[in-house]
PDB file of N, CA and C in Angstrom:
ATOM      1  N   UNK A   1      91.939 149.283  72.741  1.00  0.00           N
ATOM      2  CA  UNK A   1      93.312 149.491  72.325  1.00  0.00           C
ATOM      3  C   UNK A   1      93.967 150.561  73.200  1.00  0.00           C
ATOM      4  N   UNK A   2      95.233 150.366  73.542  1.00  0.00           N
ATOM      5  CA  UNK A   2      95.940 151.389  74.314  1.00  0.00           C
ATOM      6  C   UNK A   2      96.055 152.708  73.552  1.00  0.00           C
ATOM      7  N   UNK A   3      96.111 153.784  74.319  1.00  0.00           N
ATOM      8  CA  UNK A   3      96.249 155.115  73.750  1.00  0.00           C
ATOM      9  C   UNK A   3      97.567 155.723  74.207  1.00  0.00           C
ATOM     10  N   UNK A   4      98.296 156.311  73.252  1.00  0.00           N
ATOM     11  CA  UNK A   4      99.549 157.002  73.546  1.00  0.00           C
ATOM     12  C   UNK A   4      99.292 158.495  73.364  1.00  0.00           C
ATOM     13  N   UNK A   5      99.553 159.271  74.409  1.00  0.00           N
ATOM     14  CA  UNK A   5      99.343 160.715  74.369  1.00  0.00           C
ATOM     15  C   UNK A   5     100.702 161.411  74.439  1.00  0.00           C
ATOM     16  N   UNK A   6     100.896 162.371  73.538  1.00  0.00           N
ATOM     17  CA  UNK A   6     102.119 163.161  73.480  1.00  0.00           C
ATOM     18  C   UNK A   6     101.843 164.498  74.156  1.00  0.00           C
ATOM     19  N   UNK A   7     102.426 164.701  75.313  1.00  0.00           N
ATOM     20  CA  UNK A   7     102.146 165.899  76.106  1.00  0.00           C
ATOM     21  C   UNK A   7     102.697 167.163  75.468  1.00  0.00           C
ATOM     22  N   UNK A   8     103.637 167.030  74.543  1.00  0.00           N
ATOM     23  CA  UNK A   8     104.213 168.196  73.875  1.00  0.00           C
ATOM     24  C   UNK A   8     103.156 168.950  73.056  1.00  0.00           C
ATOM     25  N   UNK A   9     102.153 168.221  72.541  1.00  0.00           N
ATOM     26  CA  UNK A   9     101.116 168.890  71.759  1.00  0.00           C
ATOM     27  C   UNK A   9      99.705 168.364  72.017  1.00  0.00           C
ATOM     28  N   UNK A  10      99.554 167.381  72.889  1.00  0.00           N
ATOM     29  CA  UNK A  10      98.249 166.839  73.226  1.00  0.00           C
ATOM     30  C   UNK A  10      97.711 165.802  72.256  1.00  0.00           C
ATOM     31  N   UNK A  11      98.454 165.467  71.219  1.00  0.00           N
ATOM     32  CA  UNK A  11      98.008 164.466  70.245  1.00  0.00           C
ATOM     33  C   UNK A  11      97.965 163.083  70.887  1.00  0.00           C
ATOM     34  N   UNK A  12      96.959 162.296  70.509  1.00  0.00           N
ATOM     35  CA  UNK A  12      96.829 160.924  70.997  1.00  0.00           C
ATOM     36  C   UNK A  12      96.614 159.987  69.820  1.00  0.00           C
ATOM     37  N   UNK A  13      97.172 158.786  69.956  1.00  0.00           N
ATOM     38  CA  UNK A  13      97.039 157.761  68.926  1.00  0.00           C
ATOM     39  C   UNK A  13      96.770 156.433  69.607  1.00  0.00           C
ATOM     40  N   UNK A  14      95.924 155.607  68.993  1.00  0.00           N
ATOM     41  CA  UNK A  14      95.671 154.274  69.507  1.00  0.00           C
ATOM     42  C   UNK A  14      96.567 153.281  68.783  1.00  0.00           C
ATOM     43  N   UNK A  15      96.929 152.212  69.508  1.00  0.00           N
ATOM     44  CA  UNK A  15      97.779 151.175  68.932  1.00  0.00           C
ATOM     45  C   UNK A  15      97.455 149.845  69.594  1.00  0.00           C
ATOM     46  N   UNK A  16      97.535 148.762  68.850  1.00  0.00           N
ATOM     47  CA  UNK A  16      97.315 147.451  69.463  1.00  0.00           C
ATOM     48  C   UNK A  16      98.375 147.147  70.525  1.00  0.00           C
ATOM     49  N   UNK A  17      97.997 146.383  71.533  1.00  0.00           N
ATOM     50  CA  UNK A  17      98.947 145.935  72.541  1.00  0.00           C
ATOM     51  C   UNK A  17     100.110 145.241  71.834  1.00  0.00           C
ATOM     52  N   UNK A  18     101.327 145.549  72.254  1.00  0.00           N
ATOM     53  CA  UNK A  18     102.516 144.947  71.662  1.00  0.00           C
ATOM     54  C   UNK A  18     103.150 145.776  70.565  1.00  0.00           C
ATOM     55  N   UNK A  19     102.548 146.925  70.245  1.00  0.00           N
ATOM     56  CA  UNK A  19     103.104 147.814  69.220  1.00  0.00           C
ATOM     57  C   UNK A  19     104.341 148.514  69.768  1.00  0.00           C
ATOM     58  N   UNK A  20     105.360 148.601  68.947  1.00  0.00           N
ATOM     59  CA  UNK A  20     106.544 149.367  69.338  1.00  0.00           C
ATOM     60  C   UNK A  20     106.223 150.858  69.216  1.00  0.00           C
ATOM     61  N   UNK A  21     106.644 151.624  70.204  1.00  0.00           N
ATOM     62  CA  UNK A  21     106.452 153.079  70.205  1.00  0.00           C
ATOM     63  C   UNK A  21     107.027 153.697  68.931  1.00  0.00           C
ATOM     64  N   UNK A  22     108.186 153.247  68.514  1.00  0.00           N
ATOM     65  CA  UNK A  22     108.826 153.723  67.292  1.00  0.00           C
ATOM     66  C   UNK A  22     107.913 153.532  66.083  1.00  0.00           C
ATOM     67  N   UNK A  23     107.316 152.352  65.975  1.00  0.00           N
ATOM     68  CA  UNK A  23     106.425 152.066  64.837  1.00  0.00           C
ATOM     69  C   UNK A  23     105.189 152.953  64.869  1.00  0.00           C
ATOM     70  N   UNK A  24     104.612 153.155  66.053  1.00  0.00           N
ATOM     71  CA  UNK A  24     103.453 154.039  66.184  1.00  0.00           C
ATOM     72  C   UNK A  24     103.810 155.442  65.709  1.00  0.00           C
ATOM     73  N   UNK A  25     104.967 155.936  66.130  1.00  0.00           N
ATOM     74  CA  UNK A  25     105.388 157.287  65.755  1.00  0.00           C
ATOM     75  C   UNK A  25     105.609 157.406  64.252  1.00  0.00           C
ATOM     76  N   UNK A  26     106.260 156.425  63.663  1.00  0.00           N
ATOM     77  CA  UNK A  26     106.523 156.478  62.221  1.00  0.00           C
ATOM     78  C   UNK A  26     105.233 156.408  61.412  1.00  0.00           C
ATOM     79  N   UNK A  27     104.301 155.553  61.822  1.00  0.00           N
ATOM     80  CA  UNK A  27     103.034 155.404  61.082  1.00  0.00           C
ATOM     81  C   UNK A  27     102.166 156.656  61.152  1.00  0.00           C
ATOM     82  N   UNK A  28     102.270 157.385  62.248  1.00  0.00           N
ATOM     83  CA  UNK A  28     101.382 158.529  62.477  1.00  0.00           C
ATOM     84  C   UNK A  28     102.074 159.880  62.383  1.00  0.00           C
ATOM     85  N   UNK A  29     103.331 159.896  61.992  1.00  0.00           N
ATOM     86  CA  UNK A  29     104.107 161.132  61.962  1.00  0.00           C
ATOM     87  C   UNK A  29     103.968 161.864  63.301  1.00  0.00           C
ATOM     88  N   UNK A  30     104.087 161.092  64.372  1.00  0.00           N
ATOM     89  CA  UNK A  30     103.919 161.619  65.723  1.00  0.00           C
ATOM     90  C   UNK A  30     105.094 162.514  66.109  1.00  0.00           C
ATOM     91  N   UNK A  31     104.863 163.441  67.036  1.00  0.00           N
ATOM     92  CA  UNK A  31     105.871 164.443  67.403  1.00  0.00           C
ATOM     93  C   UNK A  31     106.945 163.920  68.348  1.00  0.00           C
ATOM     94  N   UNK A  32     107.776 162.999  67.861  1.00  0.00           N
ATOM     95  CA  UNK A  32     108.887 162.511  68.671  1.00  0.00           C
ATOM     96  C   UNK A  32     110.061 162.218  67.752  1.00  0.00           C
ATOM     97  N   UNK A  33     111.254 162.631  68.160  1.00  0.00           N
ATOM     98  CA  UNK A  33     112.444 162.451  67.324  1.00  0.00           C
ATOM     99  C   UNK A  33     113.167 161.161  67.655  1.00  0.00           C
ATOM    100  N   UNK A  34     113.739 160.567  66.619  1.00  0.00           N
ATOM    101  CA  UNK A  34     114.545 159.353  66.763  1.00  0.00           C
ATOM    102  C   UNK A  34     115.843 159.556  66.014  1.00  0.00           C
ATOM    103  N   UNK A  35     116.862 158.827  66.435  1.00  0.00           N
ATOM    104  CA  UNK A  35     118.152 158.865  65.755  1.00  0.00           C
ATOM    105  C   UNK A  35     118.451 157.495  65.188  1.00  0.00           C
ATOM    106  N   UNK A  36     119.222 156.725  65.926  1.00  0.00           N
ATOM    107  CA  UNK A  36     119.685 155.420  65.441  1.00  0.00           C
ATOM    108  C   UNK A  36     118.582 154.367  65.420  1.00  0.00           C
ATOM    109  N   UNK A  37     117.583 154.489  66.242  1.00  0.00           N
ATOM    110  CA  UNK A  37     116.436 153.571  66.412  1.00  0.00           C
ATOM    111  C   UNK A  37     116.797 152.218  67.008  1.00  0.00           C
ATOM    112  N   UNK A  38     118.005 152.055  67.531  1.00  0.00           N
ATOM    113  CA  UNK A  38     118.395 150.772  68.125  1.00  0.00           C
ATOM    114  C   UNK A  38     118.865 150.909  69.574  1.00  0.00           C
ATOM    115  N   UNK A  39     118.653 152.060  70.188  1.00  0.00           N
ATOM    116  CA  UNK A  39     118.975 152.226  71.591  1.00  0.00           C
ATOM    117  C   UNK A  39     120.394 152.642  71.908  1.00  0.00           C
ATOM    118  N   UNK A  40     121.109 153.167  70.938  1.00  0.00           N
ATOM    119  CA  UNK A  40     122.506 153.536  71.176  1.00  0.00           C
ATOM    120  C   UNK A  40     122.758 155.028  71.325  1.00  0.00           C
ATOM    121  N   UNK A  41     121.923 155.872  70.701  1.00  0.00           N
ATOM    122  CA  UNK A  41     122.256 157.299  70.646  1.00  0.00           C
ATOM    123  C   UNK A  41     121.569 158.149  71.719  1.00  0.00           C
ATOM    124  N   UNK A  42     120.390 157.766  72.164  1.00  0.00           N
ATOM    125  CA  UNK A  42     119.668 158.521  73.177  1.00  0.00           C
ATOM    126  C   UNK A  42     118.840 159.674  72.658  1.00  0.00           C
ATOM    127  N   UNK A  43     118.770 159.858  71.346  1.00  0.00           N
ATOM    128  CA  UNK A  43     117.990 160.954  70.764  1.00  0.00           C
ATOM    129  C   UNK A  43     116.526 160.891  71.173  1.00  0.00           C
ATOM    130  N   UNK A  44     115.978 159.703  71.300  1.00  0.00           N
ATOM    131  CA  UNK A  44     114.543 159.516  71.564  1.00  0.00           C
ATOM    132  C   UNK A  44     114.207 159.456  73.049  1.00  0.00           C
ATOM    133  N   UNK A  45     115.102 159.926  73.893  1.00  0.00           N
ATOM    134  CA  UNK A  45     114.915 159.876  75.338  1.00  0.00           C
ATOM    135  C   UNK A  45     113.634 160.625  75.736  1.00  0.00           C
ATOM    136  N   UNK A  46     112.847 160.005  76.614  1.00  0.00           N
ATOM    137  CA  UNK A  46     111.567 160.581  77.036  1.00  0.00           C
ATOM    138  C   UNK A  46     111.263 160.179  78.460  1.00  0.00           C
ATOM    139  N   UNK A  47     110.234 160.802  79.007  1.00  0.00           N
ATOM    140  CA  UNK A  47     109.696 160.364  80.289  1.00  0.00           C
ATOM    141  C   UNK A  47     108.259 159.946  80.072  1.00  0.00           C
ATOM    142  N   UNK A  48     107.871 158.933  80.805  1.00  0.00           N
ATOM    143  CA  UNK A  48     106.482 158.465  80.765  1.00  0.00           C
ATOM    144  C   UNK A  48     105.796 159.093  81.970  1.00  0.00           C
ATOM    145  N   UNK A  49     104.971 160.083  81.705  1.00  0.00           N
ATOM    146  CA  UNK A  49     104.326 160.843  82.775  1.00  0.00           C
ATOM    147  C   UNK A  49     103.147 160.100  83.384  1.00  0.00           C
ATOM    148  N   UNK A  50     102.495 159.234  82.616  1.00  0.00           N
ATOM    149  CA  UNK A  50     101.400 158.388  83.099  1.00  0.00           C
ATOM    150  C   UNK A  50     101.525 157.038  82.418  1.00  0.00           C
ATOM    151  N   UNK A  51     101.339 155.989  83.198  1.00  0.00           N
ATOM    152  CA  UNK A  51     101.311 154.652  82.628  1.00  0.00           C
ATOM    153  C   UNK A  51     102.652 153.976  82.471  1.00  0.00           C
ATOM    154  N   UNK A  52     103.636 154.332  83.280  1.00  0.00           N
ATOM    155  CA  UNK A  52     104.973 153.736  83.150  1.00  0.00           C
ATOM    156  C   UNK A  52     104.948 152.213  83.269  1.00  0.00           C
ATOM    157  N   UNK A  53     103.991 151.673  83.977  1.00  0.00           N
ATOM    158  CA  UNK A  53     103.882 150.218  84.115  1.00  0.00           C
ATOM    159  C   UNK A  53     103.309 149.570  82.856  1.00  0.00           C
ATOM    160  N   UNK A  54     102.867 150.399  81.907  1.00  0.00           N
ATOM    161  CA  UNK A  54     102.227 149.883  80.687  1.00  0.00           C
ATOM    162  C   UNK A  54     103.185 149.741  79.510  1.00  0.00           C
ATOM    163  N   UNK A  55     104.476 149.638  79.808  1.00  0.00           N
ATOM    164  CA  UNK A  55     105.494 149.341  78.795  1.00  0.00           C
ATOM    165  C   UNK A  55     106.407 148.261  79.369  1.00  0.00           C
ATOM    166  N   UNK A  56     107.120 147.564  78.497  1.00  0.00           N
ATOM    167  CA  UNK A  56     108.055 146.553  78.964  1.00  0.00           C
ATOM    168  C   UNK A  56     109.154 147.214  79.795  1.00  0.00           C
ATOM    169  N   UNK A  57     109.712 146.488  80.772  1.00  0.00           N
ATOM    170  CA  UNK A  57     110.803 147.048  81.586  1.00  0.00           C
ATOM    171  C   UNK A  57     112.035 147.355  80.731  1.00  0.00           C
ATOM    172  N   UNK A  58     112.825 148.298  81.181  1.00  0.00           N
ATOM    173  CA  UNK A  58     114.054 148.672  80.472  1.00  0.00           C
ATOM    174  C   UNK A  58     115.107 147.577  80.617  1.00  0.00           C
ATOM    175  N   UNK A  59     115.836 147.342  79.539  1.00  0.00           N
ATOM    176  CA  UNK A  59     116.951 146.406  79.584  1.00  0.00           C
ATOM    177  C   UNK A  59     118.170 147.119  80.182  1.00  0.00           C
ATOM    178  N   UNK A  60     119.191 146.371  80.550  1.00  0.00           N
ATOM    179  CA  UNK A  60     120.406 146.987  81.082  1.00  0.00           C
ATOM    180  C   UNK A  60     121.079 147.852  80.020  1.00  0.00           C
ATOM    181  N   UNK A  61     121.017 147.448  78.743  1.00  0.00           N
ATOM    182  CA  UNK A  61     121.589 148.258  77.662  1.00  0.00           C
ATOM    183  C   UNK A  61     120.856 149.591  77.527  1.00  0.00           C
ATOM    184  N   UNK A  62     119.525 149.551  77.620  1.00  0.00           N
ATOM    185  CA  UNK A  62     118.745 150.793  77.533  1.00  0.00           C
ATOM    186  C   UNK A  62     119.106 151.709  78.687  1.00  0.00           C
ATOM    187  N   UNK A  63     119.167 151.175  79.888  1.00  0.00           N
ATOM    188  CA  UNK A  63     119.490 151.990  81.064  1.00  0.00           C
ATOM    189  C   UNK A  63     120.870 152.615  80.952  1.00  0.00           C
ATOM    190  N   UNK A  64     121.802 151.897  80.370  1.00  0.00           N
ATOM    191  CA  UNK A  64     123.155 152.432  80.179  1.00  0.00           C
ATOM    192  C   UNK A  64     123.135 153.631  79.232  1.00  0.00           C
ATOM    193  N   UNK A  65     122.397 153.518  78.132  1.00  0.00           N
ATOM    194  CA  UNK A  65     122.298 154.629  77.179  1.00  0.00           C
ATOM    195  C   UNK A  65     121.594 155.817  77.813  1.00  0.00           C
ATOM    196  N   UNK A  66     120.514 155.573  78.537  1.00  0.00           N
ATOM    197  CA  UNK A  66     119.785 156.654  79.209  1.00  0.00           C
ATOM    198  C   UNK A  66     120.706 157.377  80.191  1.00  0.00           C
ATOM    199  N   UNK A  67     121.481 156.619  80.942  1.00  0.00           N
ATOM    200  CA  UNK A  67     122.381 157.211  81.928  1.00  0.00           C
ATOM    201  C   UNK A  67     123.417 158.126  81.273  1.00  0.00           C
ATOM    202  N   UNK A  68     123.862 157.765  80.072  1.00  0.00           N
ATOM    203  CA  UNK A  68     124.830 158.610  79.356  1.00  0.00           C
ATOM    204  C   UNK A  68     124.162 159.867  78.800  1.00  0.00           C
ATOM    205  N   UNK A  69     122.862 159.818  78.567  1.00  0.00           N
ATOM    206  CA  UNK A  69     122.131 160.914  77.923  1.00  0.00           C
ATOM    207  C   UNK A  69     121.558 161.932  78.904  1.00  0.00           C
ATOM    208  N   UNK A  70     121.062 161.453  80.055  1.00  0.00           N
ATOM    209  CA  UNK A  70     120.358 162.350  80.974  1.00  0.00           C
ATOM    210  C   UNK A  70     120.418 161.830  82.406  1.00  0.00           C
ATOM    211  N   UNK A  71     120.187 162.727  83.344  1.00  0.00           N
ATOM    212  CA  UNK A  71     120.084 162.329  84.748  1.00  0.00           C
ATOM    213  C   UNK A  71     118.629 162.344  85.215  1.00  0.00           C
ATOM    214  N   UNK A  72     117.699 162.537  84.289  1.00  0.00           N
ATOM    215  CA  UNK A  72     116.277 162.569  84.628  1.00  0.00           C
ATOM    216  C   UNK A  72     115.834 161.185  85.105  1.00  0.00           C
ATOM    217  N   UNK A  73     115.313 161.132  86.316  1.00  0.00           N
ATOM    218  CA  UNK A  73     114.869 159.873  86.897  1.00  0.00           C
ATOM    219  C   UNK A  73     113.715 159.280  86.086  1.00  0.00           C
ATOM    220  N   UNK A  74     113.809 158.000  85.785  1.00  0.00           N
ATOM    221  CA  UNK A  74     112.744 157.304  85.076  1.00  0.00           C
ATOM    222  C   UNK A  74     112.744 157.494  83.573  1.00  0.00           C
ATOM    223  N   UNK A  75     113.731 158.182  83.026  1.00  0.00           N
ATOM    224  CA  UNK A  75     113.787 158.396  81.575  1.00  0.00           C
ATOM    225  C   UNK A  75     113.919 157.054  80.858  1.00  0.00           C
ATOM    226  N   UNK A  76     113.361 157.005  79.659  1.00  0.00           N
ATOM    227  CA  UNK A  76     113.391 155.802  78.831  1.00  0.00           C
ATOM    228  C   UNK A  76     113.745 156.194  77.396  1.00  0.00           C
ATOM    229  N   UNK A  77     114.065 155.196  76.589  1.00  0.00           N
ATOM    230  CA  UNK A  77     114.311 155.403  75.159  1.00  0.00           C
ATOM    231  C   UNK A  77     113.059 155.005  74.397  1.00  0.00           C
ATOM    232  N   UNK A  78     112.520 155.938  73.631  1.00  0.00           N
ATOM    233  CA  UNK A  78     111.310 155.666  72.866  1.00  0.00           C
ATOM    234  C   UNK A  78     111.457 154.498  71.912  1.00  0.00           C
ATOM    235  N   UNK A  79     112.636 154.347  71.333  1.00  0.00           N
ATOM    236  CA  UNK A  79     112.841 153.276  70.353  1.00  0.00           C
ATOM    237  C   UNK A  79     112.812 151.893  70.987  1.00  0.00           C
ATOM    238  N   UNK A  80     112.885 151.815  72.298  1.00  0.00           N
ATOM    239  CA  UNK A  80     112.888 150.532  72.991  1.00  0.00           C
ATOM    240  C   UNK A  80     111.551 150.187  73.641  1.00  0.00           C
ATOM    241  N   UNK A  81     110.597 151.112  73.618  1.00  0.00           N
ATOM    242  CA  UNK A  81     109.317 150.884  74.294  1.00  0.00           C
ATOM    243  C   UNK A  81     108.392 149.983  73.491  1.00  0.00           C
ATOM    244  N   UNK A  82     107.723 149.080  74.201  1.00  0.00           N
ATOM    245  CA  UNK A  82     106.650 148.274  73.638  1.00  0.00           C
ATOM    246  C   UNK A  82     105.403 148.618  74.441  1.00  0.00           C
ATOM    247  N   UNK A  83     104.361 149.032  73.755  1.00  0.00           N
ATOM    248  CA  UNK A  83     103.146 149.547  74.387  1.00  0.00           C
ATOM    249  C   UNK A  83     102.259 148.393  74.854  1.00  0.00           C
ATOM    250  N   UNK A  84     101.923 148.415  76.139  1.00  0.00           N
ATOM    251  CA  UNK A  84     101.065 147.383  76.742  1.00  0.00           C
ATOM    252  C   UNK A  84      99.762 147.972  77.292  1.00  0.00           C
ATOM    253  N   UNK A  85      99.670 149.305  77.356  1.00  0.00           N
ATOM    254  CA  UNK A  85      98.508 149.999  77.893  1.00  0.00           C
ATOM    255  C   UNK A  85      98.670 151.483  77.653  1.00  0.00           C
ATOM    256  N   UNK A  86      97.729 152.276  78.157  1.00  0.00           N
ATOM    257  CA  UNK A  86      97.770 153.732  77.955  1.00  0.00           C
ATOM    258  C   UNK A  86      99.027 154.340  78.567  1.00  0.00           C
ATOM    259  N   UNK A  87      99.650 155.265  77.821  1.00  0.00           N
ATOM    260  CA  UNK A  87     100.803 156.015  78.325  1.00  0.00           C
ATOM    261  C   UNK A  87     100.702 157.464  77.858  1.00  0.00           C
ATOM    262  N   UNK A  88     101.325 158.339  78.637  1.00  0.00           N
ATOM    263  CA  UNK A  88     101.485 159.744  78.276  1.00  0.00           C
ATOM    264  C   UNK A  88     102.964 160.047  78.371  1.00  0.00           C
ATOM    265  N   UNK A  89     103.537 160.616  77.296  1.00  0.00           N
ATOM    266  CA  UNK A  89     104.983 160.814  77.227  1.00  0.00           C
ATOM    267  C   UNK A  89     105.345 162.256  76.899  1.00  0.00           C
ATOM    268  N   UNK A  90     106.564 162.621  77.303  1.00  0.00           N
ATOM    269  CA  UNK A  90     107.122 163.904  76.878  1.00  0.00           C
ATOM    270  C   UNK A  90     108.623 163.717  76.675  1.00  0.00           C
ATOM    271  N   UNK A  91     109.203 164.421  75.713  1.00  0.00           N
ATOM    272  CA  UNK A  91     110.632 164.273  75.463  1.00  0.00           C
ATOM    273  C   UNK A  91     111.454 164.852  76.618  1.00  0.00           C
ATOM    274  N   UNK A  92     112.643 164.306  76.811  1.00  0.00           N
ATOM    275  CA  UNK A  92     113.577 164.844  77.788  1.00  0.00           C
ATOM    276  C   UNK A  92     114.343 165.967  77.101  1.00  0.00           C
ATOM    277  N   UNK A  93     114.402 167.106  77.765  1.00  0.00           N
ATOM    278  CA  UNK A  93     115.111 168.258  77.187  1.00  0.00           C
ATOM    279  C   UNK A  93     116.602 168.079  77.263  1.00  0.00           C
TER     280      UNK A  93
END
């Protein structure tokens, strides 16, 4: 099973392939904040420090929201991620 590591505190959780990052966080009370949960607000903006290829590609709508939220290269919205393999994430400040 893929492992998701939160660099903010070092916590790791396993999840079956195809699990939404949002669902993993809610089930495990993981250290990541969400707002609208549908990709509109940008509250859950993060960077994937390892394993960026192990999530589904960003949609044009996701990229538009990220662009409004931050200029950090490669930033993604946690609520839009689907886990396909090991990843390590940290929130965008």
